[in-house]
Amino acid sequence: MVDVRLPAPNGWDAVYHKLRRRGAFDFPVLGVAAWVQWNGKNVAAARIVLGGVASYPQEVPEAGAALQGAPLSDESIAAAAEAAYRPSKPMDNTDFDLSWRKQMTRVYVKRALDELRARH
């Protein structure tokens, strides 16, 4: 099995992207979960949660707020990625460079939101 797709309840859709050394199994050195509730073409509500940047998953409310009230656009996605980047503080638990891992926060938030936009 490669993936499982379930219908989104009440207009919600979600995606999870994981940065890791090996493809098959490995703990994430960065995880990004993104949820969007659609109201037509607009984002009614959104949540962005980061993993691997603290000792527990952390929601970034500012990133979700950057997406609400309008369609997902390049500008709103960039604003959410920047909002998620600011509090990202990767733990020193792998041989990946900490600065690079922090930079990947922007990249992975953008990828997750681009995927949600493409599916809608």
PDB file of N, CA and C in Angstrom:
ATOM      1  N   MET A   1       0.845  -1.159   0.000  1.00  0.00           N
ATOM      2  CA  MET A   1       0.000   0.000   0.000  1.00  0.00           C
ATOM      3  C   MET A   1       0.899   1.232   0.000  1.00  0.00           C
ATOM      4  N   VAL A   2       0.548   2.189  -0.836  1.00  0.00           N
ATOM      5  CA  VAL A   2       1.325   3.415  -0.939  1.00  0.00           C
ATOM      6  C   VAL A   2       0.693   4.535  -0.138  1.00  0.00           C
ATOM      7  N   ASP A   3      -0.627   4.709  -0.232  1.00  0.00           N
ATOM      8  CA  ASP A   3      -1.310   5.710   0.573  1.00  0.00           C
ATOM      9  C   ASP A   3      -2.774   5.349   0.716  1.00  0.00           C
ATOM     10  N   VAL A   4      -3.420   6.020   1.639  1.00  0.00           N
ATOM     11  CA  VAL A   4      -4.844   5.832   1.899  1.00  0.00           C
ATOM     12  C   VAL A   4      -5.498   7.199   1.800  1.00  0.00           C
ATOM     13  N   ARG A   5      -6.589   7.288   1.088  1.00  0.00           N
ATOM     14  CA  ARG A   5      -7.330   8.553   0.964  1.00  0.00           C
ATOM     15  C   ARG A   5      -8.732   8.347   1.517  1.00  0.00           C
ATOM     16  N   LEU A   6      -9.092   9.171   2.476  1.00  0.00           N
ATOM     17  CA  LEU A   6     -10.425   9.154   3.065  1.00  0.00           C
ATOM     18  C   LEU A   6     -11.097  10.480   2.762  1.00  0.00           C
ATOM     19  N   PRO A   7     -12.417  10.478   2.576  1.00  0.00           N
ATOM     20  CA  PRO A   7     -13.083  11.756   2.312  1.00  0.00           C
ATOM     21  C   PRO A   7     -12.962  12.691   3.510  1.00  0.00           C
ATOM     22  N   ALA A   8     -12.759  13.961   3.219  1.00  0.00           N
ATOM     23  CA  ALA A   8     -12.603  14.960   4.276  1.00  0.00           C
ATOM     24  C   ALA A   8     -13.963  15.301   4.876  1.00  0.00           C
ATOM     25  N   PRO A   9     -14.076  15.286   6.210  1.00  0.00           N
ATOM     26  CA  PRO A   9     -15.346  15.637   6.846  1.00  0.00           C
ATOM     27  C   PRO A   9     -15.546  17.152   6.889  1.00  0.00           C
ATOM     28  N   ASN A  10     -16.760  17.591   6.643  1.00  0.00           N
ATOM     29  CA  ASN A  10     -17.145  19.003   6.810  1.00  0.00           C
ATOM     30  C   ASN A  10     -16.234  19.993   6.097  1.00  0.00           C
ATOM     31  N   GLY A  11     -15.773  19.648   4.913  1.00  0.00           N
ATOM     32  CA  GLY A  11     -14.952  20.576   4.154  1.00  0.00           C
ATOM     33  C   GLY A  11     -13.489  20.633   4.552  1.00  0.00           C
ATOM     34  N   TRP A  12     -13.066  19.795   5.500  1.00  0.00           N
ATOM     35  CA  TRP A  12     -11.664  19.785   5.924  1.00  0.00           C
ATOM     36  C   TRP A  12     -10.836  18.916   4.990  1.00  0.00           C
ATOM     37  N   ASP A  13      -9.598  19.298   4.775  1.00  0.00           N
ATOM     38  CA  ASP A  13      -8.623  18.474   4.072  1.00  0.00           C
ATOM     39  C   ASP A  13      -7.303  18.643   4.819  1.00  0.00           C
ATOM     40  N   ALA A  14      -6.480  17.624   4.784  1.00  0.00           N
ATOM     41  CA  ALA A  14      -5.232  17.671   5.547  1.00  0.00           C
ATOM     42  C   ALA A  14      -4.131  16.927   4.807  1.00  0.00           C
ATOM     43  N   VAL A  15      -2.906  17.273   5.157  1.00  0.00           N
ATOM     44  CA  VAL A  15      -1.739  16.623   4.579  1.00  0.00           C
ATOM     45  C   VAL A  15      -0.616  16.642   5.623  1.00  0.00           C
ATOM     46  N   TYR A  16       0.283  15.664   5.526  1.00  0.00           N
ATOM     47  CA  TYR A  16       1.442  15.605   6.419  1.00  0.00           C
ATOM     48  C   TYR A  16       2.680  15.345   5.570  1.00  0.00           C
ATOM     49  N   HIS A  17       3.702  16.144   5.759  1.00  0.00           N
ATOM     50  CA  HIS A  17       4.978  15.959   5.073  1.00  0.00           C
ATOM     51  C   HIS A  17       6.063  15.773   6.125  1.00  0.00           C
ATOM     52  N   LYS A  18       6.971  14.829   5.850  1.00  0.00           N
ATOM     53  CA  LYS A  18       7.986  14.454   6.833  1.00  0.00           C
ATOM     54  C   LYS A  18       9.367  14.470   6.181  1.00  0.00           C
ATOM     55  N   LEU A  19      10.274  15.231   6.762  1.00  0.00           N
ATOM     56  CA  LEU A  19      11.675  15.231   6.343  1.00  0.00           C
ATOM     57  C   LEU A  19      12.391  14.171   7.167  1.00  0.00           C
ATOM     58  N   ARG A  20      13.058  13.258   6.479  1.00  0.00           N
ATOM     59  CA  ARG A  20      13.775  12.176   7.170  1.00  0.00           C
ATOM     60  C   ARG A  20      14.917  11.709   6.279  1.00  0.00           C
ATOM     61  N   ARG A  21      15.836  11.007   6.881  1.00  0.00           N
ATOM     62  CA  ARG A  21      17.002  10.530   6.139  1.00  0.00           C
ATOM     63  C   ARG A  21      16.638   9.381   5.202  1.00  0.00           C
ATOM     64  N   ARG A  22      15.877   8.411   5.678  1.00  0.00           N
ATOM     65  CA  ARG A  22      15.524   7.245   4.865  1.00  0.00           C
ATOM     66  C   ARG A  22      14.057   7.331   4.462  1.00  0.00           C
ATOM     67  N   GLY A  23      13.733   6.803   3.302  1.00  0.00           N
ATOM     68  CA  GLY A  23      12.374   6.891   2.796  1.00  0.00           C
ATOM     69  C   GLY A  23      11.386   5.953   3.457  1.00  0.00           C
ATOM     70  N   ALA A  24      11.792   4.751   3.811  1.00  0.00           N
ATOM     71  CA  ALA A  24      10.841   3.746   4.275  1.00  0.00           C
ATOM     72  C   ALA A  24      10.402   3.970   5.718  1.00  0.00           C
ATOM     73  N   PHE A  25      11.343   4.099   6.601  1.00  0.00           N
ATOM     74  CA  PHE A  25      10.992   4.324   8.005  1.00  0.00           C
ATOM     75  C   PHE A  25      12.093   5.148   8.641  1.00  0.00           C
ATOM     76  N   ASP A  26      11.708   6.033   9.463  1.00  0.00           N
ATOM     77  CA  ASP A  26      12.661   6.864  10.187  1.00  0.00           C
ATOM     78  C   ASP A  26      11.857   7.895  10.953  1.00  0.00           C
ATOM     79  N   PHE A  27      12.389   8.369  12.053  1.00  0.00           N
ATOM     80  CA  PHE A  27      11.691   9.424  12.778  1.00  0.00           C
ATOM     81  C   PHE A  27      11.876  10.728  12.001  1.00  0.00           C
ATOM     82  N   PRO A  28      10.906  11.626  12.089  1.00  0.00           N
ATOM     83  CA  PRO A  28      11.032  12.871  11.326  1.00  0.00           C
ATOM     84  C   PRO A  28      12.022  13.830  11.981  1.00  0.00           C
ATOM     85  N   VAL A  29      12.862  14.445  11.163  1.00  0.00           N
ATOM     86  CA  VAL A  29      13.685  15.539  11.664  1.00  0.00           C
ATOM     87  C   VAL A  29      12.935  16.850  11.471  1.00  0.00           C
ATOM     88  N   LEU A  30      11.860  16.788  10.684  1.00  0.00           N
ATOM     89  CA  LEU A  30      10.894  17.872  10.560  1.00  0.00           C
ATOM     90  C   LEU A  30       9.601  17.249  10.068  1.00  0.00           C
ATOM     91  N   GLY A  31       8.508  17.578  10.712  1.00  0.00           N
ATOM     92  CA  GLY A  31       7.193  17.157  10.249  1.00  0.00           C
ATOM     93  C   GLY A  31       6.298  18.376  10.142  1.00  0.00           C
ATOM     94  N   VAL A  32       5.503  18.427   9.086  1.00  0.00           N
ATOM     95  CA  VAL A  32       4.556  19.521   8.899  1.00  0.00           C
ATOM     96  C   VAL A  32       3.188  18.917   8.627  1.00  0.00           C
ATOM     97  N   ALA A  33       2.240  19.212   9.503  1.00  0.00           N
ATOM     98  CA  ALA A  33       0.846  18.824   9.291  1.00  0.00           C
ATOM     99  C   ALA A  33       0.066  20.095   8.988  1.00  0.00           C
ATOM    100  N   ALA A  34      -0.725  20.056   7.933  1.00  0.00           N
ATOM    101  CA  ALA A  34      -1.538  21.215   7.548  1.00  0.00           C
ATOM    102  C   ALA A  34      -2.974  20.763   7.354  1.00  0.00           C
ATOM    103  N   TRP A  35      -3.907  21.487   7.982  1.00  0.00           N
ATOM    104  CA  TRP A  35      -5.343  21.244   7.833  1.00  0.00           C
ATOM    105  C   TRP A  35      -5.973  22.517   7.302  1.00  0.00           C
ATOM    106  N   VAL A  36      -6.861  22.354   6.347  1.00  0.00           N
ATOM    107  CA  VAL A  36      -7.593  23.499   5.813  1.00  0.00           C
ATOM    108  C   VAL A  36      -9.065  23.126   5.758  1.00  0.00           C
ATOM    109  N   GLN A  37      -9.914  24.021   6.241  1.00  0.00           N
ATOM    110  CA  GLN A  37     -11.358  23.860   6.069  1.00  0.00           C
ATOM    111  C   GLN A  37     -11.778  24.834   4.982  1.00  0.00           C
ATOM    112  N   TRP A  38     -12.361  24.292   3.930  1.00  0.00           N
ATOM    113  CA  TRP A  38     -12.754  25.095   2.779  1.00  0.00           C
ATOM    114  C   TRP A  38     -14.175  25.599   2.927  1.00  0.00           C
ATOM    115  N   ASN A  39     -14.385  26.819   2.482  1.00  0.00           N
ATOM    116  CA  ASN A  39     -15.720  27.396   2.332  1.00  0.00           C
ATOM    117  C   ASN A  39     -15.770  27.886   0.889  1.00  0.00           C
ATOM    118  N   GLY A  40     -16.180  26.996  -0.008  1.00  0.00           N
ATOM    119  CA  GLY A  40     -16.069  27.294  -1.430  1.00  0.00           C
ATOM    120  C   GLY A  40     -14.603  27.320  -1.813  1.00  0.00           C
ATOM    121  N   LYS A  41     -14.157  28.415  -2.405  1.00  0.00           N
ATOM    122  CA  LYS A  41     -12.741  28.547  -2.778  1.00  0.00           C
ATOM    123  C   LYS A  41     -11.903  29.161  -1.668  1.00  0.00           C
ATOM    124  N   ASN A  42     -12.557  29.692  -0.646  1.00  0.00           N
ATOM    125  CA  ASN A  42     -11.841  30.368   0.439  1.00  0.00           C
ATOM    126  C   ASN A  42     -11.483  29.414   1.569  1.00  0.00           C
ATOM    127  N   VAL A  43     -10.452  29.769   2.303  1.00  0.00           N
ATOM    128  CA  VAL A  43     -10.049  29.037   3.502  1.00  0.00           C
ATOM    129  C   VAL A  43     -10.856  29.594   4.670  1.00  0.00           C
ATOM    130  N   ALA A  44     -11.703  28.756   5.255  1.00  0.00           N
ATOM    131  CA  ALA A  44     -12.507  29.177   6.408  1.00  0.00           C
ATOM    132  C   ALA A  44     -11.697  29.070   7.699  1.00  0.00           C
ATOM    133  N   ALA A  45     -10.875  28.036   7.802  1.00  0.00           N
ATOM    134  CA  ALA A  45     -10.044  27.813   8.989  1.00  0.00           C
ATOM    135  C   ALA A  45      -8.818  27.018   8.551  1.00  0.00           C
ATOM    136  N   ALA A  46      -7.734  27.165   9.289  1.00  0.00           N
ATOM    137  CA  ALA A  46      -6.508  26.449   8.945  1.00  0.00           C
ATOM    138  C   ALA A  46      -5.667  26.242  10.193  1.00  0.00           C
ATOM    139  N   ARG A  47      -4.925  25.139  10.178  1.00  0.00           N
ATOM    140  CA  ARG A  47      -3.995  24.840  11.268  1.00  0.00           C
ATOM    141  C   ARG A  47      -2.702  24.315  10.664  1.00  0.00           C
ATOM    142  N   ILE A  48      -1.596  24.761  11.211  1.00  0.00           N
ATOM    143  CA  ILE A  48      -0.269  24.270  10.839  1.00  0.00           C
ATOM    144  C   ILE A  48       0.396  23.790  12.125  1.00  0.00           C
ATOM    145  N   VAL A  49       0.851  22.534  12.121  1.00  0.00           N
ATOM    146  CA  VAL A  49       1.533  21.960  13.285  1.00  0.00           C
ATOM    147  C   VAL A  49       2.893  21.451  12.833  1.00  0.00           C
ATOM    148  N   LEU A  50       3.929  21.798  13.591  1.00  0.00           N
ATOM    149  CA  LEU A  50       5.295  21.381  13.298  1.00  0.00           C
ATOM    150  C   LEU A  50       5.731  20.303  14.273  1.00  0.00           C
ATOM    151  N   GLY A  51       6.432  19.322  13.769  1.00  0.00           N
ATOM    152  CA  GLY A  51       7.046  18.290  14.596  1.00  0.00           C
ATOM    153  C   GLY A  51       8.545  18.270  14.333  1.00  0.00           C
ATOM    154  N   GLY A  52       9.304  17.789  15.292  1.00  0.00           N
ATOM    155  CA  GLY A  52      10.749  17.706  15.133  1.00  0.00           C
ATOM    156  C   GLY A  52      11.472  19.020  15.373  1.00  0.00           C
ATOM    157  N   VAL A  53      10.742  20.052  15.773  1.00  0.00           N
ATOM    158  CA  VAL A  53      11.366  21.353  16.039  1.00  0.00           C
ATOM    159  C   VAL A  53      11.274  21.710  17.519  1.00  0.00           C
ATOM    160  N   ALA A  54      10.785  20.788  18.304  1.00  0.00           N
ATOM    161  CA  ALA A  54      10.690  20.923  19.762  1.00  0.00           C
ATOM    162  C   ALA A  54      10.517  19.506  20.307  1.00  0.00           C
ATOM    163  N   SER A  55      10.399  19.376  21.597  1.00  0.00           N
ATOM    164  CA  SER A  55      10.254  18.045  22.183  1.00  0.00           C
ATOM    165  C   SER A  55       8.844  17.488  22.014  1.00  0.00           C
ATOM    166  N   TYR A  56       7.945  18.273  21.452  1.00  0.00           N
ATOM    167  CA  TYR A  56       6.570  17.835  21.186  1.00  0.00           C
ATOM    168  C   TYR A  56       6.038  18.626  19.996  1.00  0.00           C
ATOM    169  N   PRO A  57       5.010  18.126  19.302  1.00  0.00           N
ATOM    170  CA  PRO A  57       4.448  18.882  18.172  1.00  0.00           C
ATOM    171  C   PRO A  57       3.916  20.234  18.631  1.00  0.00           C
ATOM    172  N   GLN A  58       4.128  21.246  17.799  1.00  0.00           N
ATOM    173  CA  GLN A  58       3.705  22.598  18.154  1.00  0.00           C
ATOM    174  C   GLN A  58       2.855  23.201  17.047  1.00  0.00           C
ATOM    175  N   GLU A  59       1.646  23.638  17.417  1.00  0.00           N
ATOM    176  CA  GLU A  59       0.814  24.367  16.476  1.00  0.00           C
ATOM    177  C   GLU A  59       1.349  25.793  16.358  1.00  0.00           C
ATOM    178  N   VAL A  60       1.280  26.339  15.156  1.00  0.00           N
ATOM    179  CA  VAL A  60       1.691  27.724  14.912  1.00  0.00           C
ATOM    180  C   VAL A  60       0.439  28.495  14.485  1.00  0.00           C
ATOM    181  N   PRO A  61      -0.292  29.067  15.458  1.00  0.00           N
ATOM    182  CA  PRO A  61      -1.553  29.747  15.127  1.00  0.00           C
ATOM    183  C   PRO A  61      -1.394  30.868  14.104  1.00  0.00           C
ATOM    184  N   GLU A  62      -0.261  31.571  14.136  1.00  0.00           N
ATOM    185  CA  GLU A  62      -0.044  32.668  13.189  1.00  0.00           C
ATOM    186  C   GLU A  62       0.000  32.160  11.749  1.00  0.00           C
ATOM    187  N   ALA A  63       0.516  30.958  11.554  1.00  0.00           N
ATOM    188  CA  ALA A  63       0.577  30.387  10.206  1.00  0.00           C
ATOM    189  C   ALA A  63      -0.825  30.064   9.700  1.00  0.00           C
ATOM    190  N   GLY A  64      -1.651  29.478  10.560  1.00  0.00           N
ATOM    191  CA  GLY A  64      -3.032  29.201  10.172  1.00  0.00           C
ATOM    192  C   GLY A  64      -3.809  30.470   9.899  1.00  0.00           C
ATOM    193  N   ALA A  65      -3.595  31.483  10.730  1.00  0.00           N
ATOM    194  CA  ALA A  65      -4.312  32.754  10.569  1.00  0.00           C
ATOM    195  C   ALA A  65      -3.954  33.437   9.252  1.00  0.00           C
ATOM    196  N   ALA A  66      -2.733  33.243   8.773  1.00  0.00           N
ATOM    197  CA  ALA A  66      -2.303  33.868   7.516  1.00  0.00           C
ATOM    198  C   ALA A  66      -3.071  33.336   6.312  1.00  0.00           C
ATOM    199  N   LEU A  67      -3.745  32.212   6.482  1.00  0.00           N
ATOM    200  CA  LEU A  67      -4.437  31.571   5.360  1.00  0.00           C
ATOM    201  C   LEU A  67      -5.934  31.842   5.331  1.00  0.00           C
ATOM    202  N   GLN A  68      -6.497  32.316   6.421  1.00  0.00           N
ATOM    203  CA  GLN A  68      -7.954  32.386   6.561  1.00  0.00           C
ATOM    204  C   GLN A  68      -8.577  33.550   5.804  1.00  0.00           C
ATOM    205  N   GLY A  69      -9.771  33.271   5.252  1.00  0.00           N
ATOM    206  CA  GLY A  69     -10.598  34.320   4.674  1.00  0.00           C
ATOM    207  C   GLY A  69     -10.415  34.580   3.199  1.00  0.00           C
ATOM    208  N   ALA A  70      -9.548  33.840   2.540  1.00  0.00           N
ATOM    209  CA  ALA A  70      -9.297  34.053   1.114  1.00  0.00           C
ATOM    210  C   ALA A  70      -8.872  32.725   0.486  1.00  0.00           C
ATOM    211  N   PRO A  71      -8.827  32.664  -0.835  1.00  0.00           N
ATOM    212  CA  PRO A  71      -8.290  31.447  -1.468  1.00  0.00           C
ATOM    213  C   PRO A  71      -6.810  31.272  -1.114  1.00  0.00           C
ATOM    214  N   LEU A  72      -6.327  30.029  -1.175  1.00  0.00           N
ATOM    215  CA  LEU A  72      -4.890  29.806  -1.005  1.00  0.00           C
ATOM    216  C   LEU A  72      -4.182  30.435  -2.196  1.00  0.00           C
ATOM    217  N   SER A  73      -3.288  31.344  -1.932  1.00  0.00           N
ATOM    218  CA  SER A  73      -2.542  32.031  -2.991  1.00  0.00           C
ATOM    219  C   SER A  73      -1.054  31.886  -2.698  1.00  0.00           C
ATOM    220  N   ASP A  74      -0.240  32.207  -3.677  1.00  0.00           N
ATOM    221  CA  ASP A  74       1.203  32.185  -3.443  1.00  0.00           C
ATOM    222  C   ASP A  74       1.575  33.093  -2.274  1.00  0.00           C
ATOM    223  N   GLU A  75       0.893  34.238  -2.173  1.00  0.00           N
ATOM    224  CA  GLU A  75       1.202  35.205  -1.117  1.00  0.00           C
ATOM    225  C   GLU A  75       0.809  34.679   0.263  1.00  0.00           C
ATOM    226  N   SER A  76      -0.390  34.102   0.383  1.00  0.00           N
ATOM    227  CA  SER A  76      -0.817  33.604   1.696  1.00  0.00           C
ATOM    228  C   SER A  76       0.003  32.390   2.107  1.00  0.00           C
ATOM    229  N   ILE A  77       0.372  31.551   1.146  1.00  0.00           N
ATOM    230  CA  ILE A  77       1.222  30.394   1.450  1.00  0.00           C
ATOM    231  C   ILE A  77       2.592  30.868   1.926  1.00  0.00           C
ATOM    232  N   ALA A  78       3.164  31.869   1.264  1.00  0.00           N
ATOM    233  CA  ALA A  78       4.465  32.409   1.694  1.00  0.00           C
ATOM    234  C   ALA A  78       4.368  33.018   3.086  1.00  0.00           C
ATOM    235  N   ALA A  79       3.268  33.706   3.378  1.00  0.00           N
ATOM    236  CA  ALA A  79       3.084  34.300   4.710  1.00  0.00           C
ATOM    237  C   ALA A  79       2.974  33.216   5.777  1.00  0.00           C
ATOM    238  N   ALA A  80       2.253  32.139   5.481  1.00  0.00           N
ATOM    239  CA  ALA A  80       2.129  31.035   6.437  1.00  0.00           C
ATOM    240  C   ALA A  80       3.473  30.348   6.641  1.00  0.00           C
ATOM    241  N   ALA A  81       4.226  30.152   5.566  1.00  0.00           N
ATOM    242  CA  ALA A  81       5.542  29.519   5.670  1.00  0.00           C
ATOM    243  C   ALA A  81       6.490  30.368   6.514  1.00  0.00           C
ATOM    244  N   GLU A  82       6.433  31.674   6.337  1.00  0.00           N
ATOM    245  CA  GLU A  82       7.279  32.576   7.131  1.00  0.00           C
ATOM    246  C   GLU A  82       6.855  32.561   8.599  1.00  0.00           C
ATOM    247  N   ALA A  83       5.549  32.549   8.848  1.00  0.00           N
ATOM    248  CA  ALA A  83       5.048  32.506  10.230  1.00  0.00           C
ATOM    249  C   ALA A  83       5.467  31.213  10.919  1.00  0.00           C
ATOM    250  N   ALA A  84       5.508  30.108  10.189  1.00  0.00           N
ATOM    251  CA  ALA A  84       5.933  28.829  10.768  1.00  0.00           C
ATOM    252  C   ALA A  84       7.445  28.795  10.976  1.00  0.00           C
ATOM    253  N   TYR A  85       8.182  29.463  10.117  1.00  0.00           N
ATOM    254  CA  TYR A  85       9.642  29.495  10.210  1.00  0.00           C
ATOM    255  C   TYR A  85      10.118  30.178  11.492  1.00  0.00           C
ATOM    256  N   ARG A  86       9.477  31.272  11.850  1.00  0.00           N
ATOM    257  CA  ARG A  86       9.951  32.082  12.987  1.00  0.00           C
ATOM    258  C   ARG A  86      10.099  31.279  14.286  1.00  0.00           C
ATOM    259  N   PRO A  87       9.094  30.511  14.742  1.00  0.00           N
ATOM    260  CA  PRO A  87       9.264  29.799  16.013  1.00  0.00           C
ATOM    261  C   PRO A  87       9.981  28.452  15.887  1.00  0.00           C
ATOM    262  N   SER A  88      10.302  28.033  14.678  1.00  0.00           N
ATOM    263  CA  SER A  88      10.931  26.728  14.462  1.00  0.00           C
ATOM    264  C   SER A  88      12.326  26.704  15.076  1.00  0.00           C
ATOM    265  N   LYS A  89      12.534  25.772  16.005  1.00  0.00           N
ATOM    266  CA  LYS A  89      13.831  25.617  16.670  1.00  0.00           C
ATOM    267  C   LYS A  89      14.183  24.130  16.677  1.00  0.00           C
ATOM    268  N   PRO A  90      14.747  23.626  15.576  1.00  0.00           N
ATOM    269  CA  PRO A  90      15.064  22.201  15.503  1.00  0.00           C
ATOM    270  C   PRO A  90      15.943  21.746  16.662  1.00  0.00           C
ATOM    271  N   MET A  91      15.668  20.537  17.106  1.00  0.00           N
ATOM    272  CA  MET A  91      16.455  19.949  18.190  1.00  0.00           C
ATOM    273  C   MET A  91      17.752  19.390  17.615  1.00  0.00           C
ATOM    274  N   ASP A  92      18.793  19.385  18.411  1.00  0.00           N
ATOM    275  CA  ASP A  92      20.093  18.860  17.991  1.00  0.00           C
ATOM    276  C   ASP A  92      20.113  17.354  18.232  1.00  0.00           C
ATOM    277  N   ASN A  93      19.361  16.619  17.397  1.00  0.00           N
ATOM    278  CA  ASN A  93      19.228  15.177  17.612  1.00  0.00           C
ATOM    279  C   ASN A  93      19.570  14.359  16.369  1.00  0.00           C
ATOM    280  N   THR A  94      20.136  14.991  15.340  1.00  0.00           N
ATOM    281  CA  THR A  94      20.589  14.267  14.147  1.00  0.00           C
ATOM    282  C   THR A  94      21.861  14.937  13.649  1.00  0.00           C
ATOM    283  N   ASP A  95      22.412  14.368  12.590  1.00  0.00           N
ATOM    284  CA  ASP A  95      23.598  14.986  11.999  1.00  0.00           C
ATOM    285  C   ASP A  95      23.242  16.033  10.949  1.00  0.00           C
ATOM    286  N   PHE A  96      21.953  16.275  10.706  1.00  0.00           N
ATOM    287  CA  PHE A  96      21.549  17.358   9.807  1.00  0.00           C
ATOM    288  C   PHE A  96      21.862  18.700  10.463  1.00  0.00           C
ATOM    289  N   ASP A  97      22.323  19.646   9.671  1.00  0.00           N
ATOM    290  CA  ASP A  97      22.626  20.984  10.155  1.00  0.00           C
ATOM    291  C   ASP A  97      21.355  21.665  10.677  1.00  0.00           C
ATOM    292  N   LEU A  98      21.428  22.255  11.861  1.00  0.00           N
ATOM    293  CA  LEU A  98      20.252  22.888  12.469  1.00  0.00           C
ATOM    294  C   LEU A  98      19.722  24.047  11.635  1.00  0.00           C
ATOM    295  N   SER A  99      20.607  24.852  11.090  1.00  0.00           N
ATOM    296  CA  SER A  99      20.177  25.985  10.270  1.00  0.00           C
ATOM    297  C   SER A  99      19.443  25.501   9.014  1.00  0.00           C
ATOM    298  N   TRP A 100      19.961  24.460   8.382  1.00  0.00           N
ATOM    299  CA  TRP A 100      19.317  23.894   7.196  1.00  0.00           C
ATOM    300  C   TRP A 100      17.938  23.347   7.547  1.00  0.00           C
ATOM    301  N   ARG A 101      17.844  22.643   8.675  1.00  0.00           N
ATOM    302  CA  ARG A 101      16.541  22.103   9.093  1.00  0.00           C
ATOM    303  C   ARG A 101      15.545  23.230   9.327  1.00  0.00           C
ATOM    304  N   LYS A 102      15.977  24.322   9.938  1.00  0.00           N
ATOM    305  CA  LYS A 102      15.081  25.459  10.138  1.00  0.00           C
ATOM    306  C   LYS A 102      14.628  26.008   8.787  1.00  0.00           C
ATOM    307  N   GLN A 103      15.558  26.140   7.838  1.00  0.00           N
ATOM    308  CA  GLN A 103      15.191  26.622   6.502  1.00  0.00           C
ATOM    309  C   GLN A 103      14.165  25.700   5.841  1.00  0.00           C
ATOM    310  N   MET A 104      14.261  24.416   6.096  1.00  0.00           N
ATOM    311  CA  MET A 104      13.332  23.451   5.497  1.00  0.00           C
ATOM    312  C   MET A 104      11.906  23.623   6.018  1.00  0.00           C
ATOM    313  N   THR A 105      11.741  24.309   7.154  1.00  0.00           N
ATOM    314  CA  THR A 105      10.389  24.586   7.656  1.00  0.00           C
ATOM    315  C   THR A 105       9.590  25.334   6.600  1.00  0.00           C
ATOM    316  N   ARG A 106      10.163  26.379   6.041  1.00  0.00           N
ATOM    317  CA  ARG A 106       9.471  27.140   4.985  1.00  0.00           C
ATOM    318  C   ARG A 106       9.132  26.242   3.797  1.00  0.00           C
ATOM    319  N   VAL A 107      10.108  25.470   3.361  1.00  0.00           N
ATOM    320  CA  VAL A 107       9.943  24.618   2.182  1.00  0.00           C
ATOM    321  C   VAL A 107       8.829  23.601   2.401  1.00  0.00           C
ATOM    322  N   TYR A 108       8.817  22.953   3.558  1.00  0.00           N
ATOM    323  CA  TYR A 108       7.834  21.898   3.807  1.00  0.00           C
ATOM    324  C   TYR A 108       6.434  22.451   4.051  1.00  0.00           C
ATOM    325  N   VAL A 109       6.325  23.607   4.685  1.00  0.00           N
ATOM    326  CA  VAL A 109       5.004  24.241   4.833  1.00  0.00           C
ATOM    327  C   VAL A 109       4.472  24.596   3.452  1.00  0.00           C
ATOM    328  N   LYS A 110       5.307  25.164   2.612  1.00  0.00           N
ATOM    329  CA  LYS A 110       4.884  25.514   1.252  1.00  0.00           C
ATOM    330  C   LYS A 110       4.455  24.270   0.484  1.00  0.00           C
ATOM    331  N   ARG A 111       5.221  23.194   0.553  1.00  0.00           N
ATOM    332  CA  ARG A 111       4.860  21.956  -0.155  1.00  0.00           C
ATOM    333  C   ARG A 111       3.513  21.420   0.319  1.00  0.00           C
ATOM    334  N   ALA A 112       3.312  21.424   1.622  1.00  0.00           N
ATOM    335  CA  ALA A 112       2.050  20.915   2.170  1.00  0.00           C
ATOM    336  C   ALA A 112       0.873  21.750   1.677  1.00  0.00           C
ATOM    337  N   LEU A 113       1.009  23.061   1.731  1.00  0.00           N
ATOM    338  CA  LEU A 113      -0.090  23.937   1.314  1.00  0.00           C
ATOM    339  C   LEU A 113      -0.290  23.913  -0.199  1.00  0.00           C
ATOM    340  N   ASP A 114       0.783  23.789  -0.958  1.00  0.00           N
ATOM    341  CA  ASP A 114       0.645  23.640  -2.409  1.00  0.00           C
ATOM    342  C   ASP A 114      -0.128  22.366  -2.748  1.00  0.00           C
ATOM    343  N   GLU A 115       0.131  21.295  -2.008  1.00  0.00           N
ATOM    344  CA  GLU A 115      -0.601  20.043  -2.242  1.00  0.00           C
ATOM    345  C   GLU A 115      -2.087  20.215  -1.940  1.00  0.00           C
ATOM    346  N   LEU A 116      -2.401  20.874  -0.827  1.00  0.00           N
ATOM    347  CA  LEU A 116      -3.810  21.105  -0.496  1.00  0.00           C
ATOM    348  C   LEU A 116      -4.486  21.973  -1.557  1.00  0.00           C
ATOM    349  N   ARG A 117      -3.790  22.988  -2.019  1.00  0.00           N
ATOM    350  CA  ARG A 117      -4.352  23.867  -3.055  1.00  0.00           C
ATOM    351  C   ARG A 117      -4.603  23.077  -4.341  1.00  0.00           C
ATOM    352  N   ALA A 118      -3.681  22.217  -4.720  1.00  0.00           N
ATOM    353  CA  ALA A 118      -3.828  21.435  -5.950  1.00  0.00           C
ATOM    354  C   ALA A 118      -4.979  20.437  -5.857  1.00  0.00           C
ATOM    355  N   ARG A 119      -5.236  19.932  -4.668  1.00  0.00           N
ATOM    356  CA  ARG A 119      -6.320  18.947  -4.498  1.00  0.00           C
ATOM    357  C   ARG A 119      -7.691  19.590  -4.451  1.00  0.00           C
ATOM    358  N   HIS A 120      -7.755  20.887  -4.184  1.00  0.00           N
ATOM    359  CA  HIS A 120      -9.053  21.549  -4.014  1.00  0.00           C
ATOM    360  C   HIS A 120      -9.621  21.999  -5.345  1.00  0.00           C
TER     361      HIS A 120
END
